[in-house]
Amino acid sequence: MQWDAIEEQTPIPGFHGKVQHSDAMSFVLWRIDAGALLPAHRHVHEQVAHIYEGTFELTVDGVTRICGPGSVATVPSNALHSGRAITDCRILDAFAPVREDYRGGLTSGVIGGKTSSRE
């Protein structure tokens, strides 16, 4: 499937995403507005963020780093993480295992700040 064929969803202010799934993984292609905040949350899925455009501040388990184009950041299972788009960004997130909670679409309920390890 082509990314252009997938409808963009806005689960929290400033985060516009498109979701695809494979048998074992989920992928979200994000278009993020400058200044948008990702609330602190955690989930059982391992996450790898590939920053294609822009500058994104990512905090994982209390450690903050600035990610720019070409950066790859990892979020271990159940790690508390949050972020802030310093500029407009394009980021591809990969999750393993599949984010079953994303199959129904991106909503603030699955992204917007839950801190349960069952997310």
Protein backbone atom coordinates (compact mmCIF):
# COMPACT_ATOMS: atom_id res chain seq x y z
CA MET A 1 0.00 0.00 0.00
CA GLN A 2 1.18 3.51 -0.78
CA TRP A 3 1.33 6.08 2.03
CA ASP A 4 -0.56 8.51 -0.23
CA ALA A 5 -3.53 6.11 -0.26
CA ILE A 6 -3.89 6.16 3.56
CA GLU A 7 -6.07 8.74 5.27
CA GLU A 8 -4.24 11.00 7.70
CA GLN A 9 -5.56 11.13 11.28
CA THR A 10 -4.90 13.71 14.00
CA PRO A 11 -5.07 11.96 17.39
CA ILE A 12 -3.59 14.83 19.41
CA PRO A 13 -2.97 18.46 18.45
CA GLY A 14 -0.14 18.82 15.95
CA PHE A 15 0.37 15.08 15.33
CA HIS A 16 -0.97 13.93 11.94
CA GLY A 17 -0.35 10.24 11.19
CA LYS A 18 -0.95 7.42 8.73
CA VAL A 19 -0.84 3.80 9.91
CA GLN A 20 0.15 0.55 8.18
CA HIS A 21 0.62 -2.93 9.65
CA SER A 22 2.65 -5.97 8.67
CA ASP A 23 2.18 -9.39 10.25
CA ALA A 24 4.55 -8.55 13.12
CA MET A 25 4.90 -4.75 13.20
CA SER A 26 3.03 -1.46 12.97
CA PHE A 27 4.26 1.70 11.26
CA VAL A 28 3.11 5.30 11.63
CA LEU A 29 4.24 8.03 9.24
CA TRP A 30 3.90 11.28 11.19
CA ARG A 31 3.68 14.87 10.02
CA ILE A 32 4.20 16.90 13.20
CA ASP A 33 3.67 20.63 13.61
CA ALA A 34 6.37 22.75 15.26
CA GLY A 35 5.65 23.12 18.97
CA ALA A 36 3.43 20.03 19.21
CA LEU A 37 3.80 18.09 22.46
CA LEU A 38 3.76 14.31 22.90
CA PRO A 39 2.50 13.62 26.44
CA ALA A 40 4.47 11.23 28.64
CA HIS A 41 3.25 7.68 28.10
CA ARG A 42 4.44 4.09 27.88
CA HIS A 43 3.45 0.92 26.06
CA VAL A 44 4.63 -2.66 25.88
CA HIS A 45 5.78 -2.24 22.28
CA GLU A 46 9.38 -1.56 21.34
CA GLN A 47 9.51 1.57 19.23
CA VAL A 48 12.03 2.86 16.71
CA ALA A 49 11.65 6.44 15.48
CA HIS A 50 13.29 7.44 12.21
CA ILE A 51 13.54 11.23 11.88
CA TYR A 52 13.38 12.24 8.21
CA GLU A 53 12.79 15.98 8.52
CA GLY A 54 12.92 18.53 11.29
CA THR A 55 14.15 18.58 14.86
CA PHE A 56 12.43 16.60 17.61
CA GLU A 57 13.22 16.56 21.33
CA LEU A 58 12.67 13.06 22.74
CA THR A 59 12.83 12.09 26.41
CA VAL A 60 13.05 8.38 27.26
CA ASP A 61 13.18 7.31 30.91
CA GLY A 62 14.38 10.77 31.94
CA VAL A 63 17.11 11.10 29.29
CA THR A 64 16.51 13.85 26.71
CA ARG A 65 18.10 14.00 23.29
CA ILE A 66 17.66 16.21 20.27
CA CYS A 67 16.99 14.24 17.09
CA GLY A 68 17.44 15.64 13.59
CA PRO A 69 17.28 14.33 10.04
CA GLY A 70 18.94 10.94 9.79
CA SER A 71 18.57 10.20 13.52
CA VAL A 72 17.15 6.93 14.76
CA ALA A 73 15.88 6.75 18.34
CA THR A 74 14.76 3.67 20.22
CA VAL A 75 12.18 3.38 22.98
CA PRO A 76 12.36 0.11 24.94
CA SER A 77 9.23 -1.74 26.01
CA ASN A 78 7.42 0.05 28.88
CA ALA A 79 9.84 3.01 28.90
CA LEU A 80 8.20 6.30 29.86
CA HIS A 81 8.68 8.70 26.96
CA SER A 82 7.54 12.11 25.76
CA GLY A 83 8.54 14.61 23.13
CA ARG A 84 8.30 18.01 21.52
CA ALA A 85 8.60 19.06 17.91
CA ILE A 86 11.10 21.91 17.83
CA THR A 87 10.38 22.41 14.12
CA ASP A 88 7.93 20.85 11.70
CA CYS A 89 8.88 17.16 11.50
CA ARG A 90 8.39 14.01 9.43
CA ILE A 91 8.98 10.87 11.49
CA LEU A 92 8.40 7.18 10.78
CA ASP A 93 7.69 5.12 13.91
CA ALA A 94 8.03 1.34 13.83
CA PHE A 95 6.50 -0.75 16.63
CA ALA A 96 6.90 -4.41 17.54
CA PRO A 97 4.80 -6.33 18.16
CA VAL A 98 1.83 -5.03 16.17
CA ARG A 99 -0.07 -2.15 17.80
CA GLU A 100 -3.46 -3.84 17.88
CA ASP A 101 -4.81 -0.68 19.53
CA TYR A 102 -3.99 1.22 16.31
CA ARG A 103 -6.08 -1.08 14.12
CA GLY A 104 -9.14 1.00 15.00
CA GLY A 105 -7.32 4.21 14.12
CA LEU A 106 -5.13 6.72 15.87
CA THR A 107 -7.00 8.30 18.77
CA SER A 108 -6.04 10.41 21.75
CA GLY A 109 -7.02 7.42 23.90
CA VAL A 110 -4.15 5.31 22.58
CA ILE A 111 -1.59 8.11 22.27
CA GLY A 112 -2.53 11.02 24.48
CA GLY A 113 -0.78 10.38 27.74
CA LYS A 114 -1.86 6.99 29.08
CA THR A 115 0.83 5.55 31.29
CA SER A 116 -0.45 2.01 31.72
CA SER A 117 1.90 -0.78 30.69
CA ARG A 118 -1.11 -2.32 28.92
CA GLU A 119 -1.28 0.39 26.24
